[in-house]
């Protein structure tokens, strides 16, 4: 697929952003202009007083007045030159609509600009709709330093169509979703972003590569989240059939789920998943969890694969999974659904070099069937599964659905080679 090179770029860019955003002690975090990601083509100034103090009284007026620019990916070849809406400290109560126009919204002082939804409207506080022109120019939305407060029935930032987005040093709260990308193509980068007090912090739904006229792949629905905090939402992150990388971030104190992934391609690295009801709920897809700290959730990692569609592939490598109140790792595999009469398509689960300790149960597989789960289905190597209070390895009796988890020598033998 031609879009995948761009995904590799986004991964590289996310790592590069993390490296560049580690300021020396006492220094401020640099702006995107200082990082040479974006330059101002023309400045449009906004202030609550309006003219003559500044050019425009509302952000929407400045967006409408901004010139249309030709921005053609890739972003990494040179800084993007965009019209910049420069916003001084203050509170702005309005809903902003951007259609097919590349633009940069920048707070003069990060965290001191509040964009609050108009309570009379149910639309997103910031709605961006991307449209591709015939010369393949695309929409690039850059949001830097804003604090966005949504209405309860609307999203904070909603992205539709074909566009690229870069959200930096931005906080979104109070909405149905803090940030929602629904059926988009292009790519989205979130760095130093905080999403809190939303129904869903970040919602990514069915983001697919776009095919323009002539069948040219213009990009892939790649999302990179780095150095960000998703906390105190009902659900932190919800992924549905999308490709996502999450790096060096915190997903914590969410009421129900830290992260939910349905049939997604997702890699989570060097992140903290803390004090959610379910830390990670994963159903199908291809998921890599690498070197994360997963602690003090009710369930640490909950993986479900019914084996009725394309097989999932799940790799847990080098994670610390500890102090979860129930299971550290809970796997529901095809054998866990005895009423399923279809021939299961077995997924792959690779548990490698994880530390799983001080949970109620370490690794639990209800209705574990050692004959069905061969080495190609369940790989265990180099794990430390110890000191879990009610059992390091546990399963249910395959004949009794109402049974409670019990320590399982068969599962221990399967994973460690000894009983």
Protein backbone atom coordinates (compact mmCIF):
# COMPACT_ATOMS: atom_id res chain seq x y z
CA UNK A 1 0.00 0.00 0.00
CA UNK A 2 1.44 3.36 -1.01
CA UNK A 3 0.17 5.02 2.15
CA UNK A 4 2.39 3.04 4.50
CA UNK A 5 5.60 5.05 3.84
CA UNK A 6 3.74 8.02 5.27
CA UNK A 7 2.89 5.96 8.35
CA UNK A 8 6.60 5.28 8.79
CA UNK A 9 7.22 9.00 8.50
CA UNK A 10 4.60 9.79 11.12
CA UNK A 11 6.18 7.26 13.48
CA UNK A 12 9.57 8.88 12.93
CA UNK A 13 8.11 12.34 13.38
CA UNK A 14 6.42 11.32 16.60
CA UNK A 15 9.73 10.02 17.95
CA UNK A 16 11.53 13.14 16.75
CA UNK A 17 8.97 15.38 18.41
CA UNK A 18 9.43 13.53 21.69
CA UNK A 19 13.20 13.97 21.45
CA UNK A 20 12.93 17.65 20.69
CA UNK A 21 10.34 18.32 23.39
CA UNK A 22 12.56 17.25 26.25
CA UNK A 23 13.74 20.70 27.32
CA UNK A 24 16.65 21.28 29.63
CA UNK A 25 15.72 21.87 33.27
CA UNK A 26 13.97 25.21 33.67
CA UNK A 27 13.52 25.88 29.96
CA UNK A 28 10.16 26.40 28.28
CA UNK A 29 8.81 23.92 25.77
CA UNK A 30 9.64 25.28 22.30
CA UNK A 31 6.99 26.48 19.90
CA UNK A 32 6.30 24.74 16.60
CA UNK A 33 7.90 27.68 14.81
CA UNK A 34 11.06 27.26 16.89
CA UNK A 35 11.00 23.58 15.95
CA UNK A 36 10.76 24.54 12.24
CA UNK A 37 7.58 22.57 11.62
CA UNK A 38 5.54 25.55 10.55
CA UNK A 39 6.04 29.17 9.48
CA UNK A 40 3.61 32.05 9.23
CA UNK A 41 2.57 33.02 5.72
CA UNK A 42 0.44 35.88 7.05
CA UNK A 43 -0.67 36.79 10.57
CA UNK A 44 -4.31 37.46 11.38
CA UNK A 45 -4.79 38.88 14.86
CA UNK A 46 -7.80 38.25 17.10
CA UNK A 47 -8.80 39.76 20.42
CA UNK A 48 -12.03 40.00 22.43
CA UNK A 49 -12.16 43.78 21.86
CA UNK A 50 -11.94 43.49 18.08
CA UNK A 51 -10.81 46.37 15.79
CA UNK A 52 -8.94 48.67 16.10
CA UNK A 53 -7.07 46.79 18.86
CA UNK A 54 -6.68 43.84 16.49
CA UNK A 55 -7.98 42.78 13.09
CA UNK A 56 -10.84 40.48 14.16
CA UNK A 57 -13.07 39.99 17.17
CA UNK A 58 -13.67 36.26 16.61
CA UNK A 59 -11.52 33.33 15.56
CA UNK A 60 -14.15 32.39 12.98
CA UNK A 61 -13.90 35.81 11.31
CA UNK A 62 -10.13 35.39 11.04
CA UNK A 63 -10.49 31.88 9.58
CA UNK A 64 -12.93 33.16 6.94
CA UNK A 65 -10.58 36.00 6.02
CA UNK A 66 -7.48 33.79 5.82
CA UNK A 67 -6.23 33.19 2.28
CA UNK A 68 -6.44 29.73 0.79
CA UNK A 69 -2.98 28.21 0.49
CA UNK A 70 -1.50 25.32 -1.42
CA UNK A 71 -0.04 22.77 0.96
CA UNK A 72 1.13 19.50 -0.53
CA UNK A 73 2.55 16.75 1.68
CA UNK A 74 4.99 15.68 2.95
CA UNK A 75 5.37 17.95 5.96
CA UNK A 76 8.93 16.87 6.78
CA UNK A 77 10.61 18.24 3.64
CA UNK A 78 10.35 21.87 4.77
CA UNK A 79 8.28 23.91 7.26
CA UNK A 80 4.67 24.32 6.23
CA UNK A 81 3.87 27.97 5.44
CA UNK A 82 0.35 28.64 6.66
CA UNK A 83 -1.89 31.58 7.50
CA UNK A 84 -1.61 32.03 11.26
CA UNK A 85 -4.47 33.13 13.48
CA UNK A 86 -2.61 34.65 16.44
CA UNK A 87 -4.77 34.67 19.57
CA UNK A 88 -3.85 36.64 22.72
CA UNK A 89 -4.85 35.51 26.21
CA UNK A 90 -8.55 35.57 26.89
CA UNK A 91 -11.82 33.68 26.61
CA UNK A 92 -13.57 33.22 23.26
CA UNK A 93 -17.07 31.77 23.23
CA UNK A 94 -17.76 30.53 19.73
CA UNK A 95 -17.84 27.45 17.52
CA UNK A 96 -15.25 27.47 14.76
CA UNK A 97 -15.78 25.83 11.35
CA UNK A 98 -12.89 25.27 8.94
CA UNK A 99 -13.63 23.73 5.54
CA UNK A 100 -10.87 22.83 3.09
CA UNK A 101 -8.49 25.54 4.28
CA UNK A 102 -5.03 24.98 5.72
CA UNK A 103 -4.56 27.13 8.80
CA UNK A 104 -2.59 27.49 12.04
CA UNK A 105 -4.37 28.51 15.24
CA UNK A 106 -1.80 29.63 17.81
CA UNK A 107 -2.20 31.00 21.32
CA UNK A 108 0.25 33.80 22.06
CA UNK A 109 0.67 32.25 25.52
CA UNK A 110 0.04 28.48 25.65
CA UNK A 111 -2.75 27.58 28.06
CA UNK A 112 -4.00 31.17 28.36
CA UNK A 113 -6.49 31.07 25.48
CA UNK A 114 -9.86 29.45 26.25
CA UNK A 115 -12.13 28.56 23.34
CA UNK A 116 -15.54 27.70 24.82
CA UNK A 117 -18.42 26.22 22.88
CA UNK A 118 -21.48 28.38 22.28
CA UNK A 119 -24.06 26.73 24.59
CA UNK A 120 -26.81 27.39 22.06
CA UNK A 121 -25.13 25.08 19.51
CA UNK A 122 -24.66 21.31 19.50
CA UNK A 123 -21.88 21.34 16.90
CA UNK A 124 -18.23 20.66 17.77
CA UNK A 125 -16.31 23.55 19.28
CA UNK A 126 -13.80 23.20 16.44
CA UNK A 127 -14.95 21.35 13.31
CA UNK A 128 -12.47 20.82 10.46
CA UNK A 129 -13.55 19.28 7.16
CA UNK A 130 -10.84 18.45 4.66
CA UNK A 131 -11.26 18.50 0.87
CA UNK A 132 -8.61 17.54 -1.70
CA UNK A 133 -8.11 19.87 -4.64
CA UNK A 134 -7.42 18.59 -8.14
CA UNK A 135 -3.72 19.43 -7.82
CA UNK A 136 -3.47 17.16 -4.75
CA UNK A 137 -3.12 20.05 -2.31
CA UNK A 138 -4.52 19.01 1.04
CA UNK A 139 -5.70 20.58 4.23
CA UNK A 140 -3.32 20.96 7.16
CA UNK A 141 -4.77 22.04 10.50
CA UNK A 142 -2.36 23.11 13.24
CA UNK A 143 -3.69 23.91 16.72
CA UNK A 144 -1.12 25.14 19.24
CA UNK A 145 -1.49 26.20 22.84
CA UNK A 146 -5.30 26.39 23.09
CA UNK A 147 -7.57 25.24 25.90
CA UNK A 148 -10.82 24.05 24.32
CA UNK A 149 -13.97 23.48 26.34
CA UNK A 150 -16.76 21.63 24.55
CA UNK A 151 -20.44 21.43 25.29
CA UNK A 152 -21.60 18.15 26.82
CA UNK A 153 -23.41 17.06 23.62
CA UNK A 154 -20.70 18.16 21.17
CA UNK A 155 -17.07 17.20 20.48
CA UNK A 156 -14.18 19.46 21.35
CA UNK A 157 -12.34 18.96 18.05
CA UNK A 158 -13.92 16.93 15.26
CA UNK A 159 -12.06 16.06 12.06
CA UNK A 160 -13.80 14.87 8.89
CA UNK A 161 -12.74 14.22 5.30
CA UNK A 162 -9.19 14.25 3.99
CA UNK A 163 -6.80 16.30 6.08
CA UNK A 164 -3.68 16.31 8.16
CA UNK A 165 -3.76 17.55 11.74
CA UNK A 166 -1.13 18.57 14.29
CA UNK A 167 -2.37 19.27 17.83
CA UNK A 168 0.33 20.61 20.14
CA UNK A 169 0.25 21.82 23.76
CA UNK A 170 -3.54 21.79 23.63
CA UNK A 171 -6.13 20.77 26.25
CA UNK A 172 -9.65 19.62 25.39
CA UNK A 173 -12.34 18.96 28.00
CA UNK A 174 -16.04 18.64 28.64
CA UNK A 175 -17.27 17.09 25.39
CA UNK A 176 -18.82 13.92 24.03
CA UNK A 177 -15.34 13.32 22.61
CA UNK A 178 -12.34 15.51 23.28
CA UNK A 179 -10.91 14.82 19.83
CA UNK A 180 -12.80 12.75 17.23
CA UNK A 181 -11.48 11.73 13.81
CA UNK A 182 -14.36 10.03 12.03
CA UNK A 183 -13.71 8.32 8.72
CA UNK A 184 -10.80 10.58 7.86
CA UNK A 185 -7.87 9.97 5.59
CA UNK A 186 -4.58 11.71 6.09
CA UNK A 187 -2.80 11.71 9.41
CA UNK A 188 -3.09 13.16 12.88
CA UNK A 189 -0.34 13.92 15.39
CA UNK A 190 -1.04 14.78 19.03
CA UNK A 191 1.92 15.93 21.10
CA UNK A 192 1.79 17.39 24.61
CA UNK A 193 -2.01 17.18 24.47
CA UNK A 194 -4.30 16.74 27.48
CA UNK A 195 -7.79 15.25 27.05
CA UNK A 196 -9.86 15.18 30.23
CA UNK A 197 -13.46 15.24 31.52
CA UNK A 198 -14.93 14.00 28.23
CA UNK A 199 -17.22 11.05 27.54
CA UNK A 200 -14.40 9.75 25.30
CA UNK A 201 -11.02 11.42 25.37
CA UNK A 202 -9.90 10.44 21.85
CA UNK A 203 -12.18 8.70 19.33
CA UNK A 204 -10.72 7.29 16.10
CA UNK A 205 -13.26 5.52 13.91
CA UNK A 206 -12.70 3.78 10.56
CA UNK A 207 -9.91 5.99 9.33
CA UNK A 208 -8.86 4.59 5.98
CA UNK A 209 -6.42 5.52 3.18
CA UNK A 210 -7.92 7.85 0.63
CA UNK A 211 -7.92 7.09 -3.10
CA UNK A 212 -8.08 10.17 -5.28
CA UNK A 213 -8.87 10.34 -8.97
CA UNK A 214 -6.79 7.82 -10.85
CA UNK A 215 -6.42 5.60 -7.80
CA UNK A 216 -3.43 7.42 -6.28
CA UNK A 217 -3.03 6.74 -2.60
CA UNK A 218 -2.60 10.12 -0.91
CA UNK A 219 -2.02 8.99 2.61
CA UNK A 220 -2.95 6.64 5.39
CA UNK A 221 -5.07 7.13 8.47
CA UNK A 222 -2.08 7.14 10.80
CA UNK A 223 -2.36 8.66 14.23
CA UNK A 224 0.61 9.26 16.52
CA UNK A 225 0.08 10.30 20.13
CA UNK A 226 3.15 11.30 22.15
CA UNK A 227 3.88 12.93 25.50
CA UNK A 228 0.14 13.28 26.09
CA UNK A 229 -2.22 12.72 29.02
CA UNK A 230 -5.68 11.20 28.65
CA UNK A 231 -7.37 11.23 32.03
CA UNK A 232 -10.64 11.38 33.93
CA UNK A 233 -12.83 10.63 30.94
CA UNK A 234 -15.43 7.86 30.93
CA UNK A 235 -13.31 6.12 28.25
CA UNK A 236 -9.82 7.40 27.55
CA UNK A 237 -9.15 6.25 23.97
CA UNK A 238 -11.53 4.41 21.61
CA UNK A 239 -10.10 2.92 18.40
CA UNK A 240 -12.15 1.25 15.69
CA UNK A 241 -10.41 -0.09 12.58
CA UNK A 242 -7.65 2.48 12.56
CA UNK A 243 -3.84 2.56 12.72
CA UNK A 244 -2.40 4.22 15.78
CA UNK A 245 0.88 4.61 17.66
CA UNK A 246 0.91 5.83 21.25
CA UNK A 247 4.27 6.75 22.75
CA UNK A 248 5.38 8.01 26.16
CA UNK A 249 1.88 8.97 27.26
CA UNK A 250 -0.33 8.54 30.33
CA UNK A 251 -3.82 7.03 30.22
CA UNK A 252 -5.13 7.24 33.76
CA UNK A 253 -8.10 7.64 36.08
CA UNK A 254 -10.67 7.00 33.34
CA UNK A 255 -13.97 5.76 34.74
CA UNK A 256 -14.49 2.67 32.58
CA UNK A 257 -11.74 1.97 30.05
CA UNK A 258 -8.30 3.41 29.61
CA UNK A 259 -8.16 2.26 25.99
CA UNK A 260 -10.61 0.27 23.86
CA UNK A 261 -9.39 -1.18 20.55
CA UNK A 262 -11.67 -2.95 18.04
CA UNK A 263 -10.01 -4.54 14.98
CA UNK A 264 -7.32 -1.84 15.07
CA UNK A 265 -3.64 -1.86 14.24
CA UNK A 266 -2.10 -0.31 17.32
CA UNK A 267 1.30 -0.01 18.98
CA UNK A 268 1.56 1.26 22.54
CA UNK A 269 5.06 1.90 23.88
CA UNK A 270 6.68 3.38 26.98
CA UNK A 271 3.35 4.56 28.39
CA UNK A 272 1.56 4.37 31.73
CA UNK A 273 -1.92 2.85 32.03
CA UNK A 274 -3.03 3.61 35.58
CA UNK A 275 -6.17 3.35 37.73
CA UNK A 276 -8.80 2.70 35.08
CA UNK A 277 -11.54 0.11 35.54
CA UNK A 278 -10.13 -1.83 32.57
CA UNK A 279 -6.70 -0.63 31.55
CA UNK A 280 -6.68 -1.99 27.99
CA UNK A 281 -9.60 -3.75 26.29
CA UNK A 282 -8.54 -5.25 22.95
CA UNK A 283 -10.82 -7.08 20.53
CA UNK A 284 -9.23 -8.39 17.35
CA UNK A 285 -6.76 -6.57 15.12
CA UNK A 286 -2.99 -6.43 15.45
CA UNK A 287 -1.75 -4.93 18.70
CA UNK A 288 1.75 -4.53 20.13
CA UNK A 289 2.21 -3.51 23.76
CA UNK A 290 5.87 -2.76 24.42
CA UNK A 291 7.53 -1.67 27.66
CA UNK A 292 4.50 -0.12 29.32
CA UNK A 293 3.59 0.26 32.98
CA UNK A 294 0.08 -1.15 33.54
CA UNK A 295 -0.87 -0.77 37.19
CA UNK A 296 -3.74 -0.42 39.66
CA UNK A 297 -6.56 -1.00 37.21
CA UNK A 298 -9.31 -3.48 38.01
CA UNK A 299 -8.14 -5.55 34.99
CA UNK A 300 -4.80 -4.73 33.43
CA UNK A 301 -5.04 -6.15 29.89
CA UNK A 302 -8.25 -7.77 28.61
CA UNK A 303 -7.93 -9.42 25.18
CA UNK A 304 -10.93 -10.94 23.39
CA UNK A 305 -10.84 -12.86 20.11
CA UNK A 306 -13.82 -15.04 19.20
CA UNK A 307 -12.04 -16.57 16.23
CA UNK A 308 -14.93 -15.90 13.85
CA UNK A 309 -13.21 -13.39 11.54
CA UNK A 310 -9.64 -12.68 10.51
CA UNK A 311 -7.31 -13.85 13.29
CA UNK A 312 -5.93 -11.29 15.69
CA UNK A 313 -2.26 -10.96 16.55
CA UNK A 314 -1.34 -9.69 20.01
CA UNK A 315 2.20 -9.16 21.29
CA UNK A 316 3.02 -8.13 24.85
CA UNK A 317 6.75 -7.46 25.22
CA UNK A 318 8.61 -6.16 28.24
CA UNK A 319 5.62 -4.73 30.10
CA UNK A 320 5.26 -4.36 33.86
CA UNK A 321 1.73 -5.47 34.79
CA UNK A 322 1.28 -5.16 38.53
CA UNK A 323 -1.09 -4.31 41.38
CA UNK A 324 -4.23 -4.72 39.27
CA UNK A 325 -7.17 -5.64 41.46
CA UNK A 326 -8.33 -8.62 39.41
CA UNK A 327 -6.46 -10.13 36.44
CA UNK A 328 -3.15 -8.79 35.22
CA UNK A 329 -3.80 -10.36 31.80
CA UNK A 330 -7.18 -11.86 30.88
CA UNK A 331 -7.48 -13.70 27.57
CA UNK A 332 -10.82 -14.80 26.11
CA UNK A 333 -9.92 -16.99 23.15
CA UNK A 334 -12.08 -19.10 20.78
CA UNK A 335 -12.13 -21.96 23.29
CA UNK A 336 -13.66 -19.54 25.81
CA UNK A 337 -16.89 -19.51 23.77
CA UNK A 338 -18.15 -23.13 23.88
CA UNK A 339 -21.48 -22.18 22.28
CA UNK A 340 -19.72 -21.02 19.13
CA UNK A 341 -20.32 -23.73 16.50
CA UNK A 342 -18.18 -22.12 13.82
CA UNK A 343 -14.69 -23.42 13.14
CA UNK A 344 -12.49 -20.93 14.99
CA UNK A 345 -9.72 -19.01 13.28
CA UNK A 346 -7.07 -19.07 15.97
CA UNK A 347 -5.35 -15.81 16.89
CA UNK A 348 -1.72 -15.43 17.88
CA UNK A 349 -0.75 -14.31 21.38
CA UNK A 350 2.91 -13.65 22.18
CA UNK A 351 3.76 -13.01 25.84
CA UNK A 352 7.46 -12.16 26.00
CA UNK A 353 9.60 -10.90 28.87
CA UNK A 354 6.76 -9.33 30.84
CA UNK A 355 6.72 -8.91 34.62
CA UNK A 356 3.29 -9.88 35.96
CA UNK A 357 3.12 -9.68 39.72
CA UNK A 358 1.03 -8.62 42.72
CA UNK A 359 -2.27 -8.83 40.84
CA UNK A 360 -5.13 -10.98 42.12
CA UNK A 361 -4.45 -13.36 39.20
CA UNK A 362 -1.44 -13.13 36.91
CA UNK A 363 -2.50 -14.70 33.59
CA UNK A 364 -6.06 -16.00 33.28
CA UNK A 365 -7.53 -17.86 30.30
CA UNK A 366 -11.09 -19.07 30.97
CA UNK A 367 -11.77 -22.52 29.49
CA UNK A 368 -8.09 -22.97 28.65
CA UNK A 369 -7.71 -25.84 26.17
CA UNK A 370 -4.02 -26.84 25.87
CA UNK A 371 -4.77 -29.02 22.84
CA UNK A 372 -6.38 -26.19 20.90
CA UNK A 373 -3.86 -23.54 21.96
CA UNK A 374 -0.68 -24.88 20.42
CA UNK A 375 2.65 -23.10 20.27
CA UNK A 376 1.56 -21.19 17.17
CA UNK A 377 -1.38 -19.75 19.11
CA UNK A 378 0.13 -18.99 22.53
CA UNK A 379 3.83 -18.20 22.91
CA UNK A 380 5.24 -17.59 26.39
CA UNK A 381 8.92 -16.83 26.87
CA UNK A 382 10.98 -15.02 29.46
CA UNK A 383 8.05 -13.81 31.58
CA UNK A 384 8.18 -13.40 35.35
CA UNK A 385 4.72 -14.32 36.69
CA UNK A 386 5.01 -14.34 40.47
CA UNK A 387 3.37 -13.36 43.75
CA UNK A 388 -0.13 -12.92 42.37
CA UNK A 389 -2.43 -13.31 45.33
CA UNK A 390 -4.96 -15.93 44.14
CA UNK A 391 -2.82 -17.61 41.48
CA UNK A 392 -0.13 -16.85 38.92
CA UNK A 393 -2.00 -18.87 36.26
CA UNK A 394 -5.73 -19.44 36.38
CA UNK A 395 -8.60 -20.82 34.31
CA UNK A 396 -12.21 -21.91 34.58
CA UNK A 397 -13.41 -25.49 34.37
CA UNK A 398 -14.27 -25.97 30.70
CA UNK A 399 -17.43 -27.86 31.70
CA UNK A 400 -18.74 -25.20 34.09
CA UNK A 401 -19.36 -21.70 32.80
CA UNK A 402 -20.43 -20.50 36.28
CA UNK A 403 -17.20 -21.61 37.94
CA UNK A 404 -14.78 -19.07 39.39
CA UNK A 405 -11.16 -18.82 38.34
CA UNK A 406 -8.92 -21.49 39.84
CA UNK A 407 -5.13 -21.94 39.72
CA UNK A 408 -4.16 -23.93 36.62
CA UNK A 409 -1.15 -26.24 36.51
CA UNK A 410 -1.91 -26.94 32.84
CA UNK A 411 -1.58 -23.27 31.93
CA UNK A 412 1.56 -22.91 34.04
CA UNK A 413 3.06 -25.93 32.30
CA UNK A 414 2.10 -24.48 28.92
CA UNK A 415 3.80 -21.17 29.74
CA UNK A 416 6.74 -22.24 31.87
CA UNK A 417 7.26 -25.89 31.00
CA UNK A 418 6.90 -26.95 34.64
CA UNK A 419 3.97 -27.54 36.99
